[in-house]
């Protein structure tokens, strides 16, 4: 068992001890798009994309995304990502969100660990994501991921707030975590 697989097993065990009902983690399906959109909307921190885009995401980027399901098979959390075309070893994490009723138990970290463990064997060695300065939950998620995996975390402003057409968007800070290992 690799170190990343051991981290994933430990994270799953810690989550299950804190959350008695079993969850399932798998690839999103198109039918999950509406629930994923709702979870993103209700997060109150993510930029909400159109409902159509979440349907497309579940179809076109399912291989680089994961969904957590409750015992009834309903989505309760998700992580979406894609492989950066100019850097095929880089996973861009687009969004991570957990339904309000399931927050605070480490599920976002479990999903991120599971996704990167799955993709590391395909040559992914770096994670990139952007976080606004006011999103402390995402900052903690990615900082703890880097620490848990012994990876470096670099931060730099990717898009200044003034680039956004609405004029009131905070800057998007690029987080680059590397290396991640299989």
N, C-alpha and C. Protein backbone atom coordinates (compact mmCIF):
# COMPACT_ATOMS: atom_id res chain seq x y z
N UNK A 1 0.85 -1.18 0.00
CA UNK A 1 0.00 0.00 0.00
C UNK A 1 0.89 1.24 0.00
N UNK A 2 0.59 2.17 -0.91
CA UNK A 2 1.36 3.40 -0.98
C UNK A 2 0.95 4.34 0.15
N UNK A 3 1.75 5.38 0.34
CA UNK A 3 1.43 6.36 1.39
C UNK A 3 0.10 7.04 1.10
N UNK A 4 -0.16 7.37 -0.17
CA UNK A 4 -1.43 8.03 -0.51
C UNK A 4 -2.61 7.09 -0.26
N UNK A 5 -2.45 5.82 -0.57
CA UNK A 5 -3.53 4.87 -0.31
C UNK A 5 -3.75 4.71 1.19
N UNK A 6 -2.67 4.72 1.96
CA UNK A 6 -2.81 4.64 3.43
C UNK A 6 -3.53 5.87 3.97
N UNK A 7 -3.19 7.06 3.42
CA UNK A 7 -3.89 8.29 3.83
C UNK A 7 -5.37 8.20 3.51
N UNK A 8 -5.68 7.69 2.33
CA UNK A 8 -7.08 7.56 1.93
C UNK A 8 -7.81 6.60 2.86
N UNK A 9 -7.21 5.46 3.15
CA UNK A 9 -7.84 4.48 4.05
C UNK A 9 -8.06 5.09 5.44
N UNK A 10 -7.05 5.82 5.94
CA UNK A 10 -7.18 6.46 7.25
C UNK A 10 -8.29 7.51 7.25
N UNK A 11 -8.34 8.33 6.18
CA UNK A 11 -9.38 9.36 6.09
C UNK A 11 -10.76 8.73 6.03
N UNK A 12 -10.89 7.66 5.27
CA UNK A 12 -12.19 6.99 5.19
C UNK A 12 -12.58 6.42 6.54
N UNK A 13 -11.63 5.79 7.24
CA UNK A 13 -11.93 5.23 8.57
C UNK A 13 -12.34 6.32 9.54
N UNK A 14 -11.62 7.46 9.51
CA UNK A 14 -11.96 8.57 10.41
C UNK A 14 -13.34 9.10 10.09
N UNK A 15 -13.68 9.21 8.80
CA UNK A 15 -15.00 9.71 8.44
C UNK A 15 -16.08 8.74 8.92
N UNK A 16 -15.87 7.46 8.68
CA UNK A 16 -16.89 6.48 9.05
C UNK A 16 -17.09 6.40 10.56
N UNK A 17 -16.02 6.60 11.34
CA UNK A 17 -16.19 6.60 12.79
C UNK A 17 -17.04 7.79 13.23
N UNK A 18 -16.91 8.91 12.55
CA UNK A 18 -17.66 10.12 12.92
C UNK A 18 -19.06 10.12 12.32
N UNK A 19 -19.31 9.28 11.36
CA UNK A 19 -20.58 9.30 10.64
C UNK A 19 -21.07 7.86 10.47
N UNK A 20 -21.84 7.33 11.42
CA UNK A 20 -22.24 5.94 11.37
C UNK A 20 -22.91 5.49 10.07
N UNK A 21 -23.83 6.26 9.47
CA UNK A 21 -24.41 5.77 8.23
C UNK A 21 -23.35 5.66 7.13
N UNK A 22 -23.34 4.56 6.42
CA UNK A 22 -22.35 4.34 5.36
C UNK A 22 -22.61 5.32 4.21
N UNK A 23 -21.52 5.70 3.56
CA UNK A 23 -21.62 6.51 2.36
C UNK A 23 -20.95 5.76 1.24
N UNK A 24 -21.29 6.12 0.04
CA UNK A 24 -20.62 5.57 -1.12
C UNK A 24 -19.95 6.68 -1.88
N UNK A 25 -18.81 6.39 -2.45
CA UNK A 25 -18.08 7.38 -3.25
C UNK A 25 -17.93 6.78 -4.63
N UNK A 26 -18.40 7.50 -5.64
CA UNK A 26 -18.25 7.00 -7.00
C UNK A 26 -18.27 8.14 -8.00
N UNK A 27 -18.26 7.76 -9.25
CA UNK A 27 -18.26 8.71 -10.36
C UNK A 27 -19.65 9.33 -10.51
N UNK A 28 -19.71 10.64 -10.72
CA UNK A 28 -21.03 11.26 -10.91
C UNK A 28 -21.67 10.80 -12.22
N UNK A 29 -22.99 10.78 -12.20
CA UNK A 29 -23.80 10.46 -13.38
C UNK A 29 -24.60 11.70 -13.76
N UNK A 30 -25.04 11.77 -15.00
CA UNK A 30 -25.81 12.92 -15.46
C UNK A 30 -26.98 13.18 -14.53
N UNK A 31 -27.61 12.13 -14.05
CA UNK A 31 -28.77 12.27 -13.16
C UNK A 31 -28.41 13.00 -11.86
N UNK A 32 -27.12 13.08 -11.52
CA UNK A 32 -26.68 13.75 -10.30
C UNK A 32 -26.54 15.27 -10.49
N UNK A 33 -26.60 15.74 -11.72
CA UNK A 33 -26.35 17.15 -12.00
C UNK A 33 -27.21 18.11 -11.21
N UNK A 34 -28.49 17.81 -11.09
CA UNK A 34 -29.39 18.72 -10.35
C UNK A 34 -29.03 18.77 -8.87
N UNK A 35 -28.72 17.62 -8.28
CA UNK A 35 -28.36 17.59 -6.86
C UNK A 35 -27.03 18.30 -6.62
N UNK A 36 -26.09 18.11 -7.52
CA UNK A 36 -24.79 18.78 -7.39
C UNK A 36 -24.97 20.29 -7.51
N UNK A 37 -25.81 20.73 -8.45
CA UNK A 37 -26.10 22.16 -8.57
C UNK A 37 -26.69 22.70 -7.27
N UNK A 38 -27.64 21.95 -6.67
CA UNK A 38 -28.27 22.38 -5.42
C UNK A 38 -27.24 22.47 -4.29
N UNK A 39 -26.36 21.50 -4.19
CA UNK A 39 -25.33 21.52 -3.14
C UNK A 39 -24.42 22.73 -3.34
N UNK A 40 -24.03 23.00 -4.58
CA UNK A 40 -23.19 24.18 -4.87
C UNK A 40 -23.93 25.46 -4.51
N UNK A 41 -25.20 25.55 -4.89
CA UNK A 41 -26.00 26.74 -4.59
C UNK A 41 -26.10 26.96 -3.08
N UNK A 42 -26.37 25.90 -2.36
CA UNK A 42 -26.58 26.01 -0.92
C UNK A 42 -25.29 26.20 -0.13
N UNK A 43 -24.14 26.04 -0.79
CA UNK A 43 -22.86 26.22 -0.10
C UNK A 43 -22.68 27.66 0.35
N UNK A 44 -23.27 28.59 -0.39
CA UNK A 44 -23.19 30.03 -0.12
C UNK A 44 -21.80 30.62 -0.25
N UNK A 45 -20.83 29.84 -0.75
CA UNK A 45 -19.50 30.38 -0.99
C UNK A 45 -19.01 30.13 -2.41
N UNK A 46 -19.54 29.12 -3.08
CA UNK A 46 -19.09 28.83 -4.43
C UNK A 46 -19.75 29.75 -5.44
N UNK A 47 -19.03 30.05 -6.52
CA UNK A 47 -19.66 30.72 -7.66
C UNK A 47 -20.57 29.68 -8.30
N UNK A 48 -21.84 29.97 -8.36
CA UNK A 48 -22.81 29.02 -8.90
C UNK A 48 -22.82 29.10 -10.42
N UNK A 49 -22.60 27.96 -11.05
CA UNK A 49 -22.69 27.85 -12.49
C UNK A 49 -24.13 27.52 -12.87
N UNK A 50 -24.44 27.56 -14.15
CA UNK A 50 -25.79 27.22 -14.60
C UNK A 50 -26.07 25.74 -14.31
N UNK A 51 -27.33 25.40 -14.13
CA UNK A 51 -27.69 24.00 -13.90
C UNK A 51 -27.26 23.14 -15.08
N UNK A 52 -27.31 23.70 -16.27
CA UNK A 52 -26.88 22.99 -17.47
C UNK A 52 -25.40 22.60 -17.37
N UNK A 53 -24.58 23.49 -16.84
CA UNK A 53 -23.14 23.19 -16.76
C UNK A 53 -22.87 22.01 -15.82
N UNK A 54 -23.68 21.85 -14.76
CA UNK A 54 -23.48 20.71 -13.87
C UNK A 54 -23.87 19.40 -14.55
N UNK A 55 -24.89 19.45 -15.42
CA UNK A 55 -25.23 18.26 -16.21
C UNK A 55 -24.08 17.90 -17.15
N UNK A 56 -23.54 18.90 -17.83
CA UNK A 56 -22.40 18.66 -18.71
C UNK A 56 -21.20 18.14 -17.93
N UNK A 57 -20.97 18.72 -16.75
CA UNK A 57 -19.84 18.29 -15.94
C UNK A 57 -19.94 16.81 -15.61
N UNK A 58 -21.14 16.38 -15.24
CA UNK A 58 -21.35 14.97 -14.88
C UNK A 58 -21.20 14.05 -16.09
N UNK A 59 -21.38 14.58 -17.27
CA UNK A 59 -21.19 13.78 -18.48
C UNK A 59 -19.75 13.83 -18.97
N UNK A 60 -19.18 15.03 -19.10
CA UNK A 60 -17.90 15.20 -19.78
C UNK A 60 -16.67 15.12 -18.87
N UNK A 61 -16.85 15.37 -17.58
CA UNK A 61 -15.71 15.35 -16.67
C UNK A 61 -15.92 14.38 -15.51
N UNK A 62 -16.76 13.38 -15.73
CA UNK A 62 -17.03 12.40 -14.68
C UNK A 62 -15.77 11.64 -14.27
N UNK A 63 -14.85 11.43 -15.19
CA UNK A 63 -13.63 10.69 -14.90
C UNK A 63 -12.67 11.44 -13.99
N UNK A 64 -12.87 12.74 -13.83
CA UNK A 64 -12.00 13.54 -12.96
C UNK A 64 -12.82 14.21 -11.86
N UNK A 65 -13.93 13.59 -11.52
CA UNK A 65 -14.83 14.11 -10.48
C UNK A 65 -15.34 12.94 -9.65
N UNK A 66 -15.82 13.24 -8.46
CA UNK A 66 -16.41 12.22 -7.59
C UNK A 66 -17.63 12.79 -6.89
N UNK A 67 -18.52 11.89 -6.50
CA UNK A 67 -19.69 12.26 -5.72
C UNK A 67 -19.78 11.30 -4.54
N UNK A 68 -20.19 11.83 -3.39
CA UNK A 68 -20.47 10.98 -2.21
C UNK A 68 -21.98 10.84 -2.13
N UNK A 69 -22.42 9.63 -1.82
CA UNK A 69 -23.85 9.34 -1.75
C UNK A 69 -24.23 8.85 -0.36
N UNK A 70 -25.44 9.20 0.05
CA UNK A 70 -25.96 8.69 1.31
C UNK A 70 -26.47 7.26 1.11
N UNK A 71 -27.05 6.69 2.13
CA UNK A 71 -27.50 5.30 2.06
C UNK A 71 -28.63 5.10 1.04
N UNK A 72 -29.31 6.17 0.66
CA UNK A 72 -30.35 6.08 -0.37
C UNK A 72 -29.79 6.32 -1.77
N UNK A 73 -28.48 6.56 -1.87
CA UNK A 73 -27.87 6.81 -3.17
C UNK A 73 -27.93 8.24 -3.64
N UNK A 74 -28.41 9.14 -2.77
CA UNK A 74 -28.52 10.55 -3.14
C UNK A 74 -27.20 11.27 -2.91
N UNK A 75 -26.78 12.14 -3.84
CA UNK A 75 -25.55 12.91 -3.64
C UNK A 75 -25.62 13.80 -2.40
N UNK A 76 -24.54 13.75 -1.60
CA UNK A 76 -24.45 14.60 -0.41
C UNK A 76 -23.19 15.48 -0.46
N UNK A 77 -22.31 15.20 -1.42
CA UNK A 77 -21.08 15.98 -1.56
C UNK A 77 -20.49 15.67 -2.93
N UNK A 78 -19.63 16.58 -3.39
CA UNK A 78 -18.98 16.33 -4.68
C UNK A 78 -17.65 17.07 -4.75
N UNK A 79 -16.81 16.60 -5.64
CA UNK A 79 -15.61 17.30 -6.05
C UNK A 79 -15.57 17.19 -7.57
N UNK A 80 -15.40 18.32 -8.25
CA UNK A 80 -15.29 18.31 -9.70
C UNK A 80 -13.92 18.82 -10.09
N UNK A 81 -13.40 18.25 -11.16
CA UNK A 81 -12.09 18.66 -11.62
C UNK A 81 -11.90 18.30 -13.08
N UNK A 82 -10.77 18.74 -13.61
CA UNK A 82 -10.40 18.39 -14.98
C UNK A 82 -8.88 18.40 -15.07
N UNK A 83 -8.37 17.68 -16.08
CA UNK A 83 -6.94 17.68 -16.34
C UNK A 83 -6.63 18.91 -17.20
N UNK A 84 -5.66 19.67 -16.75
CA UNK A 84 -5.33 20.91 -17.46
C UNK A 84 -4.69 20.57 -18.81
N UNK A 85 -5.26 21.02 -19.91
CA UNK A 85 -4.75 20.63 -21.24
C UNK A 85 -3.28 20.97 -21.46
N UNK A 86 -2.82 22.13 -20.99
CA UNK A 86 -1.42 22.53 -21.20
C UNK A 86 -0.46 21.82 -20.24
N UNK A 87 -1.00 21.21 -19.20
CA UNK A 87 -0.19 20.51 -18.21
C UNK A 87 -0.90 19.21 -17.83
N UNK A 88 -0.72 18.15 -18.61
CA UNK A 88 -1.49 16.91 -18.40
C UNK A 88 -1.23 16.23 -17.06
N UNK A 89 -0.22 16.63 -16.33
CA UNK A 89 0.01 16.09 -14.99
C UNK A 89 -0.67 16.88 -13.89
N UNK A 90 -1.50 17.86 -14.28
CA UNK A 90 -2.14 18.75 -13.32
C UNK A 90 -3.65 18.57 -13.31
N UNK A 91 -4.17 18.27 -12.14
CA UNK A 91 -5.62 18.23 -11.91
C UNK A 91 -6.05 19.59 -11.41
N UNK A 92 -6.98 20.22 -12.11
CA UNK A 92 -7.58 21.46 -11.64
C UNK A 92 -8.85 21.08 -10.89
N UNK A 93 -8.90 21.36 -9.61
CA UNK A 93 -10.10 21.10 -8.82
C UNK A 93 -10.99 22.32 -8.99
N UNK A 94 -12.14 22.10 -9.61
CA UNK A 94 -13.06 23.19 -9.94
C UNK A 94 -13.90 23.57 -8.72
N UNK A 95 -14.60 22.59 -8.16
CA UNK A 95 -15.43 22.88 -6.99
C UNK A 95 -15.46 21.67 -6.06
N UNK A 96 -15.57 21.96 -4.77
CA UNK A 96 -15.79 20.94 -3.74
C UNK A 96 -16.89 21.49 -2.85
N UNK A 97 -17.91 20.68 -2.59
CA UNK A 97 -18.98 21.14 -1.71
C UNK A 97 -19.61 19.94 -1.01
N UNK A 98 -20.08 20.19 0.21
CA UNK A 98 -20.73 19.17 1.02
C UNK A 98 -22.09 19.73 1.44
N UNK A 99 -23.12 18.92 1.32
CA UNK A 99 -24.45 19.31 1.77
C UNK A 99 -24.38 19.73 3.24
N UNK A 100 -25.12 20.75 3.59
CA UNK A 100 -25.08 21.33 4.94
C UNK A 100 -25.23 20.27 6.04
N UNK A 101 -26.11 19.31 5.86
CA UNK A 101 -26.37 18.30 6.90
C UNK A 101 -25.20 17.35 7.12
N UNK A 102 -24.20 17.37 6.22
CA UNK A 102 -23.09 16.43 6.31
C UNK A 102 -21.74 17.13 6.50
N UNK A 103 -21.77 18.41 6.78
CA UNK A 103 -20.51 19.17 6.94
C UNK A 103 -19.87 18.91 8.30
N UNK A 104 -18.58 19.20 8.35
CA UNK A 104 -17.85 19.15 9.61
C UNK A 104 -17.35 17.77 10.01
N UNK A 105 -17.41 16.82 9.09
CA UNK A 105 -16.96 15.47 9.41
C UNK A 105 -15.86 14.97 8.49
N UNK A 106 -15.27 15.86 7.73
CA UNK A 106 -14.12 15.49 6.90
C UNK A 106 -14.45 14.92 5.54
N UNK A 107 -15.69 15.01 5.11
CA UNK A 107 -16.08 14.40 3.84
C UNK A 107 -15.39 15.05 2.65
N UNK A 108 -15.21 16.35 2.65
CA UNK A 108 -14.52 17.01 1.54
C UNK A 108 -13.10 16.48 1.39
N UNK A 109 -12.41 16.30 2.51
CA UNK A 109 -11.05 15.74 2.47
C UNK A 109 -11.03 14.31 1.97
N UNK A 110 -12.02 13.52 2.37
CA UNK A 110 -12.12 12.14 1.90
C UNK A 110 -12.29 12.11 0.39
N UNK A 111 -13.17 12.97 -0.13
CA UNK A 111 -13.38 13.03 -1.58
C UNK A 111 -12.12 13.47 -2.31
N UNK A 112 -11.44 14.49 -1.80
CA UNK A 112 -10.22 14.97 -2.43
C UNK A 112 -9.14 13.90 -2.41
N UNK A 113 -8.99 13.21 -1.28
CA UNK A 113 -8.02 12.12 -1.19
C UNK A 113 -8.36 11.01 -2.19
N UNK A 114 -9.63 10.64 -2.27
CA UNK A 114 -10.04 9.56 -3.16
C UNK A 114 -9.80 9.93 -4.63
N UNK A 115 -10.11 11.16 -4.99
CA UNK A 115 -9.93 11.59 -6.37
C UNK A 115 -8.46 11.61 -6.75
N UNK A 116 -7.63 12.17 -5.90
CA UNK A 116 -6.22 12.26 -6.25
C UNK A 116 -5.55 10.89 -6.20
N UNK A 117 -5.98 10.01 -5.32
CA UNK A 117 -5.43 8.65 -5.30
C UNK A 117 -5.76 7.94 -6.61
N UNK A 118 -6.97 8.15 -7.09
CA UNK A 118 -7.39 7.52 -8.35
C UNK A 118 -6.59 8.07 -9.53
N UNK A 119 -6.33 9.37 -9.55
CA UNK A 119 -5.68 9.99 -10.71
C UNK A 119 -4.16 9.96 -10.66
N UNK A 120 -3.59 9.78 -9.48
CA UNK A 120 -2.12 9.75 -9.37
C UNK A 120 -1.53 8.63 -10.21
N UNK A 121 -2.22 7.51 -10.28
CA UNK A 121 -1.74 6.39 -11.11
C UNK A 121 -1.76 6.70 -12.59
N UNK A 122 -2.49 7.75 -12.99
CA UNK A 122 -2.56 8.17 -14.39
C UNK A 122 -1.58 9.30 -14.70
N UNK A 123 -0.66 9.56 -13.79
CA UNK A 123 0.36 10.57 -14.04
C UNK A 123 0.07 11.95 -13.47
N UNK A 124 -1.03 12.11 -12.72
CA UNK A 124 -1.30 13.40 -12.10
C UNK A 124 -0.38 13.56 -10.89
N UNK A 125 0.36 14.66 -10.86
CA UNK A 125 1.31 14.90 -9.78
C UNK A 125 1.13 16.26 -9.11
N UNK A 126 0.21 17.06 -9.65
CA UNK A 126 -0.01 18.41 -9.14
C UNK A 126 -1.51 18.69 -9.09
N UNK A 127 -1.93 19.42 -8.05
CA UNK A 127 -3.29 19.92 -7.97
C UNK A 127 -3.22 21.44 -8.06
N UNK A 128 -4.12 22.00 -8.85
CA UNK A 128 -4.33 23.44 -8.85
C UNK A 128 -5.79 23.70 -8.55
N UNK A 129 -6.04 24.75 -7.82
CA UNK A 129 -7.39 25.21 -7.56
C UNK A 129 -7.31 26.69 -7.26
N UNK A 130 -8.43 27.37 -7.27
CA UNK A 130 -8.43 28.76 -6.84
C UNK A 130 -9.38 28.91 -5.66
N UNK A 131 -9.00 29.81 -4.78
CA UNK A 131 -9.76 30.06 -3.55
C UNK A 131 -9.81 31.57 -3.35
N UNK A 132 -10.97 32.10 -3.04
CA UNK A 132 -11.06 33.52 -2.72
C UNK A 132 -10.60 33.73 -1.27
N UNK A 133 -10.07 34.89 -0.95
CA UNK A 133 -9.54 35.13 0.39
C UNK A 133 -10.55 34.92 1.52
N UNK A 134 -11.84 35.07 1.24
CA UNK A 134 -12.84 34.92 2.30
C UNK A 134 -13.31 33.47 2.49
N UNK A 135 -12.82 32.54 1.68
CA UNK A 135 -13.27 31.15 1.76
C UNK A 135 -12.32 30.34 2.66
N UNK A 136 -12.50 30.51 3.96
CA UNK A 136 -11.60 29.87 4.92
C UNK A 136 -11.74 28.35 4.93
N UNK A 137 -12.94 27.83 4.63
CA UNK A 137 -13.12 26.38 4.61
C UNK A 137 -12.27 25.75 3.50
N UNK A 138 -12.27 26.35 2.32
CA UNK A 138 -11.45 25.82 1.22
C UNK A 138 -9.97 25.98 1.52
N UNK A 139 -9.59 27.11 2.11
CA UNK A 139 -8.19 27.30 2.48
C UNK A 139 -7.74 26.19 3.42
N UNK A 140 -8.55 25.89 4.44
CA UNK A 140 -8.21 24.81 5.38
C UNK A 140 -8.17 23.46 4.69
N UNK A 141 -9.13 23.19 3.80
CA UNK A 141 -9.18 21.91 3.09
C UNK A 141 -7.89 21.66 2.30
N UNK A 142 -7.47 22.64 1.51
CA UNK A 142 -6.31 22.43 0.66
C UNK A 142 -5.00 22.50 1.44
N UNK A 143 -4.93 23.35 2.46
CA UNK A 143 -3.73 23.38 3.30
C UNK A 143 -3.57 22.07 4.05
N UNK A 144 -4.66 21.52 4.57
CA UNK A 144 -4.56 20.24 5.30
C UNK A 144 -4.26 19.10 4.34
N UNK A 145 -4.78 19.16 3.12
CA UNK A 145 -4.46 18.14 2.11
C UNK A 145 -2.95 18.15 1.87
N UNK A 146 -2.38 19.32 1.61
CA UNK A 146 -0.94 19.41 1.35
C UNK A 146 -0.14 18.88 2.53
N UNK A 147 -0.52 19.27 3.73
CA UNK A 147 0.19 18.80 4.92
C UNK A 147 0.07 17.29 5.08
N UNK A 148 -1.12 16.75 4.90
CA UNK A 148 -1.36 15.32 5.05
C UNK A 148 -0.54 14.51 4.05
N UNK A 149 -0.30 15.06 2.87
CA UNK A 149 0.42 14.35 1.82
C UNK A 149 1.89 14.77 1.72
N UNK A 150 2.35 15.61 2.63
CA UNK A 150 3.75 16.03 2.62
C UNK A 150 4.12 16.78 1.35
N UNK A 151 3.18 17.52 0.80
CA UNK A 151 3.40 18.25 -0.45
C UNK A 151 3.55 19.74 -0.17
N UNK A 152 4.17 20.43 -1.09
CA UNK A 152 4.29 21.88 -0.95
C UNK A 152 3.01 22.55 -1.43
N UNK A 153 2.72 23.69 -0.86
CA UNK A 153 1.56 24.49 -1.25
C UNK A 153 2.05 25.89 -1.57
N UNK A 154 1.87 26.29 -2.82
CA UNK A 154 2.22 27.64 -3.25
C UNK A 154 0.93 28.40 -3.53
N UNK A 155 0.93 29.68 -3.18
CA UNK A 155 -0.24 30.53 -3.43
C UNK A 155 0.21 31.78 -4.19
N UNK A 156 -0.61 32.19 -5.17
CA UNK A 156 -0.38 33.44 -5.90
C UNK A 156 -1.71 33.87 -6.51
N UNK A 157 -1.91 35.15 -6.65
CA UNK A 157 -3.14 35.64 -7.26
C UNK A 157 -3.13 35.24 -8.73
N UNK A 158 -4.19 34.54 -9.14
CA UNK A 158 -4.33 34.14 -10.54
C UNK A 158 -5.15 35.17 -11.30
N UNK A 159 -6.31 35.54 -10.73
CA UNK A 159 -7.18 36.53 -11.36
C UNK A 159 -7.51 37.61 -10.34
N UNK A 160 -7.08 38.82 -10.59
CA UNK A 160 -7.42 39.95 -9.74
C UNK A 160 -8.91 40.20 -9.83
N UNK A 161 -9.50 40.66 -8.75
CA UNK A 161 -10.93 40.91 -8.71
C UNK A 161 -11.41 41.85 -9.80
N UNK A 162 -10.57 42.79 -10.22
CA UNK A 162 -10.95 43.75 -11.25
C UNK A 162 -11.15 43.13 -12.62
N UNK A 163 -10.70 41.91 -12.84
CA UNK A 163 -10.89 41.25 -14.13
C UNK A 163 -12.31 40.74 -14.34
N UNK A 164 -13.07 40.61 -13.25
CA UNK A 164 -14.42 40.07 -13.34
C UNK A 164 -15.40 41.17 -13.74
N UNK A 165 -16.34 40.87 -14.62
CA UNK A 165 -17.22 41.92 -15.15
C UNK A 165 -18.17 42.53 -14.13
N UNK A 166 -18.49 41.82 -13.05
CA UNK A 166 -19.44 42.38 -12.09
C UNK A 166 -18.80 43.42 -11.17
N UNK A 167 -17.49 43.48 -11.16
CA UNK A 167 -16.78 44.49 -10.38
C UNK A 167 -16.75 44.27 -8.89
N UNK A 168 -17.38 43.22 -8.40
CA UNK A 168 -17.39 43.01 -6.95
C UNK A 168 -16.82 41.64 -6.55
N UNK A 169 -16.12 40.99 -7.46
CA UNK A 169 -15.57 39.67 -7.18
C UNK A 169 -14.23 39.80 -6.48
N UNK A 170 -14.01 38.99 -5.49
CA UNK A 170 -12.70 38.96 -4.82
C UNK A 170 -11.67 38.32 -5.75
N UNK A 171 -10.40 38.54 -5.49
CA UNK A 171 -9.39 37.88 -6.31
C UNK A 171 -9.49 36.36 -6.16
N UNK A 172 -9.11 35.66 -7.20
CA UNK A 172 -9.02 34.20 -7.15
C UNK A 172 -7.54 33.87 -6.97
N UNK A 173 -7.23 33.26 -5.83
CA UNK A 173 -5.85 32.92 -5.50
C UNK A 173 -5.59 31.48 -5.94
N UNK A 174 -4.57 31.30 -6.76
CA UNK A 174 -4.20 29.97 -7.23
C UNK A 174 -3.44 29.23 -6.14
N UNK A 175 -3.91 28.04 -5.82
CA UNK A 175 -3.21 27.14 -4.91
C UNK A 175 -2.62 26.03 -5.78
N UNK A 176 -1.33 25.81 -5.67
CA UNK A 176 -0.65 24.74 -6.42
C UNK A 176 -0.03 23.81 -5.39
N UNK A 177 -0.47 22.55 -5.41
CA UNK A 177 -0.01 21.54 -4.46
C UNK A 177 0.74 20.47 -5.24
N UNK A 178 1.98 20.22 -4.81
CA UNK A 178 2.82 19.26 -5.51
C UNK A 178 3.95 18.81 -4.61
N UNK A 179 4.44 17.61 -4.75
CA UNK A 179 3.90 16.56 -5.61
C UNK A 179 2.86 15.73 -4.87
N UNK A 180 1.93 15.18 -5.62
CA UNK A 180 1.04 14.16 -5.07
C UNK A 180 1.52 12.84 -5.65
N UNK A 181 1.37 11.77 -4.92
CA UNK A 181 1.93 10.49 -5.34
C UNK A 181 0.86 9.41 -5.36
N UNK A 182 1.12 8.42 -6.17
CA UNK A 182 0.22 7.25 -6.24
C UNK A 182 0.35 6.40 -5.00
